[in-house]
Amino acid sequence: MNIDKDQIISLLRQQNHPQADQAEQELPDQVDPEQHADLLAKFGLNPQELLGTFGGLGNLL
């Protein structure tokens, strides 16, 4: 399942993440949590938690 980059950036900004702007530049428009796991980890994001948050399985963050 792909997640829209804007949703991830919004989440980072809500958390006042210091690298939100950098993530906006580096993440693709559609993020595949499995394929982009290393890039997500760079910004402190857990792919499984993102899937839970944006995949309709509840808010884990």
Protein backbone atom coordinates (compact mmCIF):
# COMPACT_ATOMS: atom_id res chain seq x y z
CA MET A 1 0.00 0.00 0.00
CA ASN A 2 1.36 3.39 -0.98
CA ILE A 3 0.99 6.45 1.23
CA ASP A 4 0.76 9.94 -0.16
CA LYS A 5 3.85 11.97 0.70
CA ASP A 6 1.69 14.90 1.83
CA GLN A 7 0.17 12.76 4.58
CA ILE A 8 3.61 11.82 5.88
CA ILE A 9 4.87 15.41 5.73
CA SER A 10 1.75 16.57 7.57
CA LEU A 11 2.43 14.00 10.29
CA LEU A 12 6.04 15.14 10.61
CA ARG A 13 5.00 18.78 10.85
CA GLN A 14 2.41 17.96 13.53
CA GLN A 15 5.26 16.41 15.51
CA ASN A 16 7.47 19.47 14.87
CA HIS A 17 10.00 17.14 13.30
CA PRO A 18 13.21 19.05 12.53
CA GLN A 19 13.68 17.26 9.19
CA ALA A 20 10.16 17.72 7.80
CA ASP A 21 11.40 20.02 5.03
CA GLN A 22 14.17 17.60 4.10
CA ALA A 23 11.68 14.70 4.03
CA GLU A 24 9.45 16.73 1.73
CA GLN A 25 12.35 17.08 -0.71
CA GLU A 26 13.53 13.46 -0.55
CA LEU A 27 10.39 11.34 -0.33
CA PRO A 28 8.67 10.33 -3.56
CA ASP A 29 5.08 11.50 -4.17
CA GLN A 30 3.81 8.00 -3.36
CA VAL A 31 5.70 6.24 -0.58
CA ASP A 32 5.76 2.45 -0.42
CA PRO A 33 6.60 1.73 3.25
CA GLU A 34 8.34 -1.53 2.38
CA GLN A 35 10.29 -0.25 -0.61
CA HIS A 36 11.23 3.04 1.08
CA ALA A 37 11.81 1.66 4.59
CA ASP A 38 15.41 2.90 4.75
CA LEU A 39 14.42 6.40 3.68
CA LEU A 40 11.57 6.48 6.20
CA ALA A 41 13.92 5.30 8.95
CA LYS A 42 16.21 8.21 8.11
CA PHE A 43 13.39 10.47 9.31
CA GLY A 44 12.57 8.34 12.34
CA LEU A 45 9.47 6.77 10.82
CA ASN A 46 8.52 3.14 11.28
CA PRO A 47 6.97 1.69 8.10
CA GLN A 48 4.64 -0.61 10.05
CA GLU A 49 3.35 2.26 12.18
CA LEU A 50 2.73 4.31 9.05
CA LEU A 51 0.74 1.48 7.53
CA GLY A 52 -1.30 1.28 10.71
CA THR A 53 -1.85 5.02 10.81
CA PHE A 54 -2.68 5.55 7.14
CA GLY A 55 -3.86 2.07 6.27
CA GLY A 56 -7.07 2.28 8.26
CA LEU A 57 -5.86 0.05 11.07
CA GLY A 58 -5.96 2.74 13.74
CA ASN A 59 -3.74 5.58 14.86
CA LEU A 60 -0.52 4.12 16.23
CA LEU A 61 1.44 7.38 16.35
